[in-house]
Amino acid sequence: MPSPPRPADEMKTVRIQENILARRERQLLNWLCARMPAWVTPDRLTALGVFGAMLTFGGYAASNLSEQWLWLAIAGYVIQWFGDSMDGSLARWRKIERPSYGYFIDHSCDGLTTALIVW
C-alpha cells in the first residue's frame, strides 16, 4: 500500500544546476551567505532583485535616447542577479525556508522580472 502524501514542509526539493558556472556561483553564494548581516533578509533580497529588473527595464527603454543608458541596464541586471540568486540561497543557508509562500513569491517575482527585462 502506498504511503500517504507528505506535507510540503517535509518534502525536499533536489536542485539540479549543471551550467558551466554553477559550481563557482554556488561557492560565491555560500561565501556571501556566510557573511550577510542579520538585517538582510530573503524578502529584502527579492525586493532588491525586482528593483534591479526595473532598473534594467528603465535602462533599456532610455537607451532609445542615448546609448549611455545601457550602463544603467547593465547595473540593474547585476543587482537583479544578486537579489534573485541570494534570496533563496540565504533562506536555505539560514534554514528559514517557507516552502509554499517563498516558492510562490519567488516564482511570481521571477516571472515579473523576466518580463521586465525582456520587454
N, C-alpha and C. Protein backbone atom coordinates (compact mmCIF):
# COMPACT_ATOMS: atom_id res chain seq x y z
N MET A 1 0.85 -1.18 0.00
CA MET A 1 0.00 0.00 0.00
C MET A 1 0.90 1.24 0.00
N PRO A 2 0.63 2.21 -0.89
CA PRO A 2 1.48 3.39 -0.95
C PRO A 2 1.36 4.24 0.31
N SER A 3 2.45 4.90 0.64
CA SER A 3 2.42 5.75 1.84
C SER A 3 1.64 7.03 1.53
N PRO A 4 1.05 7.62 2.57
CA PRO A 4 0.26 8.85 2.35
C PRO A 4 1.19 10.00 1.92
N PRO A 5 0.65 10.96 1.21
CA PRO A 5 1.47 12.09 0.78
C PRO A 5 2.03 12.85 1.98
N ARG A 6 3.26 13.31 1.83
CA ARG A 6 3.89 14.06 2.92
C ARG A 6 3.51 15.54 2.81
N PRO A 7 3.46 16.22 3.97
CA PRO A 7 3.21 17.66 3.91
C PRO A 7 4.36 18.36 3.20
N ALA A 8 4.08 19.53 2.67
CA ALA A 8 5.09 20.29 1.91
C ALA A 8 6.32 20.58 2.76
N ASP A 9 6.14 20.75 4.07
CA ASP A 9 7.27 21.06 4.94
C ASP A 9 8.28 19.92 4.99
N GLU A 10 7.84 18.70 4.78
CA GLU A 10 8.73 17.54 4.87
C GLU A 10 9.38 17.20 3.54
N MET A 11 8.84 17.71 2.45
CA MET A 11 9.36 17.36 1.14
C MET A 11 10.63 18.16 0.85
N LYS A 12 11.63 17.49 0.33
CA LYS A 12 12.88 18.14 -0.04
C LYS A 12 12.97 18.22 -1.55
N THR A 13 13.33 19.38 -2.05
CA THR A 13 13.48 19.57 -3.47
C THR A 13 14.94 19.40 -3.83
N VAL A 14 15.19 18.63 -4.85
CA VAL A 14 16.54 18.45 -5.34
C VAL A 14 16.81 19.51 -6.39
N ARG A 15 17.84 20.32 -6.17
CA ARG A 15 18.18 21.38 -7.11
C ARG A 15 19.26 20.87 -8.05
N ILE A 16 18.98 20.94 -9.34
CA ILE A 16 19.94 20.49 -10.35
C ILE A 16 20.42 21.72 -11.11
N GLN A 17 21.68 22.05 -10.93
CA GLN A 17 22.28 23.18 -11.62
C GLN A 17 23.56 22.68 -12.27
N GLU A 18 23.55 22.61 -13.59
CA GLU A 18 24.67 21.99 -14.29
C GLU A 18 25.32 22.88 -15.34
N ASN A 19 25.03 24.20 -15.33
CA ASN A 19 25.69 25.03 -16.33
C ASN A 19 27.17 25.20 -15.95
N ILE A 20 27.96 25.75 -16.85
CA ILE A 20 29.41 25.77 -16.64
C ILE A 20 29.84 26.68 -15.48
N LEU A 21 28.99 27.60 -15.09
CA LEU A 21 29.33 28.50 -13.98
C LEU A 21 28.71 28.08 -12.64
N ALA A 22 27.88 27.06 -12.65
CA ALA A 22 27.07 26.71 -11.47
C ALA A 22 27.91 26.43 -10.23
N ARG A 23 28.99 25.67 -10.38
CA ARG A 23 29.79 25.30 -9.20
C ARG A 23 30.44 26.54 -8.56
N ARG A 24 31.02 27.39 -9.40
CA ARG A 24 31.67 28.61 -8.88
C ARG A 24 30.63 29.59 -8.33
N GLU A 25 29.48 29.68 -8.99
CA GLU A 25 28.43 30.56 -8.49
C GLU A 25 27.96 30.08 -7.12
N ARG A 26 27.78 28.78 -6.96
CA ARG A 26 27.35 28.23 -5.67
C ARG A 26 28.38 28.54 -4.59
N GLN A 27 29.67 28.41 -4.91
CA GLN A 27 30.72 28.73 -3.94
C GLN A 27 30.65 30.21 -3.54
N LEU A 28 30.46 31.08 -4.53
CA LEU A 28 30.36 32.51 -4.24
C LEU A 28 29.12 32.82 -3.39
N LEU A 29 27.99 32.23 -3.75
CA LEU A 29 26.76 32.48 -2.99
C LEU A 29 26.88 31.99 -1.56
N ASN A 30 27.48 30.82 -1.35
CA ASN A 30 27.68 30.32 0.01
C ASN A 30 28.61 31.24 0.80
N TRP A 31 29.66 31.73 0.14
CA TRP A 31 30.59 32.65 0.79
C TRP A 31 29.87 33.93 1.21
N LEU A 32 29.03 34.46 0.30
CA LEU A 32 28.26 35.66 0.61
C LEU A 32 27.23 35.40 1.72
N CYS A 33 26.57 34.26 1.69
CA CYS A 33 25.57 33.94 2.72
C CYS A 33 26.20 33.90 4.11
N ALA A 34 27.39 33.36 4.20
CA ALA A 34 28.06 33.25 5.49
C ALA A 34 28.43 34.63 6.04
N ARG A 35 28.51 35.64 5.19
CA ARG A 35 28.93 36.97 5.61
C ARG A 35 27.81 38.01 5.58
N MET A 36 26.61 37.58 5.27
CA MET A 36 25.49 38.51 5.13
C MET A 36 25.02 38.97 6.51
N PRO A 37 24.87 40.29 6.72
CA PRO A 37 24.41 40.77 8.02
C PRO A 37 22.98 40.31 8.32
N ALA A 38 22.63 40.27 9.59
CA ALA A 38 21.33 39.75 10.02
C ALA A 38 20.16 40.57 9.47
N TRP A 39 20.37 41.87 9.23
CA TRP A 39 19.27 42.71 8.76
C TRP A 39 18.92 42.42 7.30
N VAL A 40 19.78 41.72 6.59
CA VAL A 40 19.48 41.34 5.21
C VAL A 40 18.62 40.07 5.26
N THR A 41 17.44 40.14 4.70
CA THR A 41 16.51 39.01 4.73
C THR A 41 16.22 38.55 3.30
N PRO A 42 15.75 37.32 3.13
CA PRO A 42 15.38 36.85 1.80
C PRO A 42 14.34 37.74 1.12
N ASP A 43 13.37 38.24 1.88
CA ASP A 43 12.34 39.11 1.30
C ASP A 43 12.95 40.41 0.78
N ARG A 44 13.91 40.96 1.52
CA ARG A 44 14.57 42.19 1.07
C ARG A 44 15.40 41.92 -0.19
N LEU A 45 16.00 40.76 -0.26
CA LEU A 45 16.78 40.40 -1.45
C LEU A 45 15.87 40.21 -2.66
N THR A 46 14.69 39.64 -2.44
CA THR A 46 13.71 39.51 -3.53
C THR A 46 13.31 40.88 -4.03
N ALA A 47 13.03 41.80 -3.10
CA ALA A 47 12.68 43.16 -3.49
C ALA A 47 13.83 43.84 -4.23
N LEU A 48 15.05 43.59 -3.79
CA LEU A 48 16.22 44.14 -4.48
C LEU A 48 16.30 43.61 -5.91
N GLY A 49 16.02 42.33 -6.09
CA GLY A 49 16.03 41.74 -7.42
C GLY A 49 14.99 42.37 -8.34
N VAL A 50 13.80 42.62 -7.80
CA VAL A 50 12.75 43.28 -8.60
C VAL A 50 13.18 44.70 -8.94
N PHE A 51 13.77 45.41 -7.98
CA PHE A 51 14.27 46.76 -8.23
C PHE A 51 15.32 46.74 -9.34
N GLY A 52 16.22 45.77 -9.29
CA GLY A 52 17.24 45.64 -10.33
C GLY A 52 16.63 45.42 -11.71
N ALA A 53 15.57 44.62 -11.76
CA ALA A 53 14.88 44.39 -13.04
C ALA A 53 14.24 45.67 -13.55
N MET A 54 13.70 46.48 -12.63
CA MET A 54 13.11 47.76 -13.04
C MET A 54 14.20 48.69 -13.58
N LEU A 55 15.37 48.69 -12.95
CA LEU A 55 16.49 49.49 -13.46
C LEU A 55 16.89 49.01 -14.85
N THR A 56 16.94 47.69 -15.03
CA THR A 56 17.28 47.14 -16.34
C THR A 56 16.27 47.59 -17.39
N PHE A 57 15.01 47.46 -17.07
CA PHE A 57 13.95 47.89 -17.98
C PHE A 57 14.09 49.38 -18.31
N GLY A 58 14.29 50.20 -17.27
CA GLY A 58 14.44 51.64 -17.48
C GLY A 58 15.66 51.97 -18.34
N GLY A 59 16.76 51.26 -18.08
CA GLY A 59 17.97 51.49 -18.88
C GLY A 59 17.78 51.12 -20.34
N TYR A 60 17.13 49.99 -20.58
CA TYR A 60 16.85 49.59 -21.96
C TYR A 60 15.92 50.59 -22.64
N ALA A 61 14.86 50.99 -21.94
CA ALA A 61 13.90 51.93 -22.52
C ALA A 61 14.56 53.28 -22.82
N ALA A 62 15.37 53.77 -21.88
CA ALA A 62 16.02 55.07 -22.06
C ALA A 62 17.15 55.01 -23.09
N SER A 63 17.62 53.81 -23.41
CA SER A 63 18.71 53.70 -24.39
C SER A 63 18.28 54.16 -25.78
N ASN A 64 16.98 54.33 -25.98
CA ASN A 64 16.50 54.92 -27.24
C ASN A 64 16.91 56.39 -27.34
N LEU A 65 17.11 57.02 -26.18
CA LEU A 65 17.52 58.42 -26.15
C LEU A 65 19.03 58.57 -26.25
N SER A 66 19.74 57.66 -25.57
CA SER A 66 21.20 57.69 -25.58
C SER A 66 21.71 56.31 -25.18
N GLU A 67 22.74 55.86 -25.88
CA GLU A 67 23.28 54.53 -25.57
C GLU A 67 23.94 54.48 -24.19
N GLN A 68 24.21 55.63 -23.59
CA GLN A 68 24.80 55.67 -22.25
C GLN A 68 23.88 55.04 -21.20
N TRP A 69 22.58 55.03 -21.47
CA TRP A 69 21.62 54.42 -20.55
C TRP A 69 21.81 52.91 -20.44
N LEU A 70 22.52 52.32 -21.38
CA LEU A 70 22.76 50.87 -21.29
C LEU A 70 23.59 50.52 -20.06
N TRP A 71 24.39 51.48 -19.56
CA TRP A 71 25.12 51.24 -18.31
C TRP A 71 24.16 51.01 -17.15
N LEU A 72 23.04 51.73 -17.15
CA LEU A 72 22.02 51.51 -16.12
C LEU A 72 21.42 50.12 -16.26
N ALA A 73 21.18 49.69 -17.49
CA ALA A 73 20.64 48.36 -17.73
C ALA A 73 21.60 47.28 -17.22
N ILE A 74 22.89 47.48 -17.47
CA ILE A 74 23.89 46.50 -17.00
C ILE A 74 23.92 46.47 -15.48
N ALA A 75 23.95 47.65 -14.85
CA ALA A 75 23.95 47.71 -13.38
C ALA A 75 22.69 47.06 -12.82
N GLY A 76 21.55 47.35 -13.44
CA GLY A 76 20.30 46.74 -12.99
C GLY A 76 20.31 45.24 -13.10
N TYR A 77 20.92 44.74 -14.17
CA TYR A 77 20.97 43.29 -14.35
C TYR A 77 21.84 42.63 -13.28
N VAL A 78 22.95 43.27 -12.90
CA VAL A 78 23.81 42.74 -11.83
C VAL A 78 23.05 42.76 -10.51
N ILE A 79 22.34 43.85 -10.24
CA ILE A 79 21.55 43.95 -9.00
C ILE A 79 20.46 42.89 -8.99
N GLN A 80 19.81 42.70 -10.13
CA GLN A 80 18.75 41.68 -10.23
C GLN A 80 19.32 40.29 -10.00
N TRP A 81 20.47 39.98 -10.60
CA TRP A 81 21.09 38.67 -10.40
C TRP A 81 21.40 38.47 -8.92
N PHE A 82 22.01 39.47 -8.30
CA PHE A 82 22.38 39.34 -6.89
C PHE A 82 21.16 39.08 -6.02
N GLY A 83 20.12 39.90 -6.16
CA GLY A 83 18.92 39.72 -5.34
C GLY A 83 18.24 38.39 -5.59
N ASP A 84 18.11 38.02 -6.87
CA ASP A 84 17.42 36.78 -7.21
C ASP A 84 18.22 35.54 -6.79
N SER A 85 19.52 35.60 -6.94
CA SER A 85 20.34 34.44 -6.58
C SER A 85 20.47 34.29 -5.08
N MET A 86 20.52 35.41 -4.39
CA MET A 86 20.77 35.36 -2.95
C MET A 86 19.52 35.10 -2.11
N ASP A 87 18.33 35.45 -2.59
CA ASP A 87 17.15 35.31 -1.73
C ASP A 87 16.92 33.88 -1.28
N GLY A 88 16.87 32.97 -2.20
CA GLY A 88 16.67 31.56 -1.84
C GLY A 88 17.89 30.95 -1.18
N SER A 89 19.06 31.36 -1.64
CA SER A 89 20.31 30.84 -1.06
C SER A 89 20.40 31.21 0.41
N LEU A 90 20.08 32.46 0.73
CA LEU A 90 20.14 32.91 2.13
C LEU A 90 19.09 32.20 2.98
N ALA A 91 17.90 32.02 2.42
CA ALA A 91 16.85 31.31 3.17
C ALA A 91 17.29 29.88 3.48
N ARG A 92 17.87 29.20 2.49
CA ARG A 92 18.35 27.84 2.74
C ARG A 92 19.53 27.83 3.70
N TRP A 93 20.43 28.80 3.57
CA TRP A 93 21.61 28.89 4.44
C TRP A 93 21.19 29.07 5.90
N ARG A 94 20.21 29.94 6.11
CA ARG A 94 19.74 30.22 7.48
C ARG A 94 18.66 29.25 7.94
N LYS A 95 18.28 28.34 7.06
CA LYS A 95 17.25 27.35 7.35
C LYS A 95 15.93 28.01 7.75
N ILE A 96 15.55 29.01 6.97
CA ILE A 96 14.29 29.73 7.21
C ILE A 96 13.41 29.68 5.95
N GLU A 97 13.52 28.58 5.21
CA GLU A 97 12.71 28.44 4.00
C GLU A 97 11.23 28.42 4.36
N ARG A 98 10.44 28.93 3.44
CA ARG A 98 8.98 28.86 3.55
C ARG A 98 8.51 28.19 2.28
N PRO A 99 8.38 26.85 2.30
CA PRO A 99 8.16 26.09 1.07
C PRO A 99 7.01 26.59 0.19
N SER A 100 5.88 26.90 0.74
CA SER A 100 4.76 27.32 -0.10
C SER A 100 4.83 28.81 -0.43
N TYR A 101 4.87 29.64 0.60
CA TYR A 101 4.87 31.09 0.40
C TYR A 101 6.12 31.54 -0.34
N GLY A 102 7.29 31.10 0.11
CA GLY A 102 8.54 31.51 -0.52
C GLY A 102 8.61 31.09 -1.97
N TYR A 103 8.18 29.87 -2.26
CA TYR A 103 8.19 29.36 -3.63
C TYR A 103 7.27 30.21 -4.51
N PHE A 104 6.07 30.50 -4.01
CA PHE A 104 5.11 31.28 -4.78
C PHE A 104 5.63 32.69 -5.05
N ILE A 105 6.11 33.36 -4.00
CA ILE A 105 6.61 34.73 -4.15
C ILE A 105 7.82 34.75 -5.07
N ASP A 106 8.76 33.83 -4.87
CA ASP A 106 9.98 33.82 -5.68
C ASP A 106 9.66 33.62 -7.16
N HIS A 107 8.81 32.66 -7.46
CA HIS A 107 8.50 32.38 -8.86
C HIS A 107 7.62 33.47 -9.49
N SER A 108 6.76 34.09 -8.69
CA SER A 108 5.98 35.21 -9.21
C SER A 108 6.90 36.38 -9.54
N CYS A 109 7.83 36.68 -8.65
CA CYS A 109 8.78 37.77 -8.90
C CYS A 109 9.72 37.42 -10.06
N ASP A 110 10.10 36.15 -10.17
CA ASP A 110 10.94 35.74 -11.31
C ASP A 110 10.22 35.99 -12.63
N GLY A 111 8.93 35.68 -12.67
CA GLY A 111 8.16 35.93 -13.89
C GLY A 111 8.07 37.41 -14.21
N LEU A 112 7.83 38.22 -13.17
CA LEU A 112 7.75 39.67 -13.36
C LEU A 112 9.09 40.23 -13.83
N THR A 113 10.18 39.83 -13.19
CA THR A 113 11.49 40.37 -13.56
C THR A 113 11.90 39.93 -14.96
N THR A 114 11.60 38.69 -15.31
CA THR A 114 11.91 38.22 -16.67
C THR A 114 11.13 39.05 -17.70
N ALA A 115 9.86 39.28 -17.42
CA ALA A 115 9.05 40.09 -18.34
C ALA A 115 9.61 41.50 -18.46
N LEU A 116 9.99 42.11 -17.34
CA LEU A 116 10.55 43.47 -17.39
C LEU A 116 11.83 43.51 -18.21
N ILE A 117 12.70 42.54 -18.00
CA ILE A 117 13.98 42.54 -18.71
C ILE A 117 13.78 42.28 -20.20
N VAL A 118 12.86 41.38 -20.54
CA VAL A 118 12.64 41.06 -21.95
C VAL A 118 11.93 42.20 -22.67
N TRP A 119 10.98 42.86 -22.00
CA TRP A 119 10.26 43.96 -22.64
C TRP A 119 11.24 45.05 -23.00
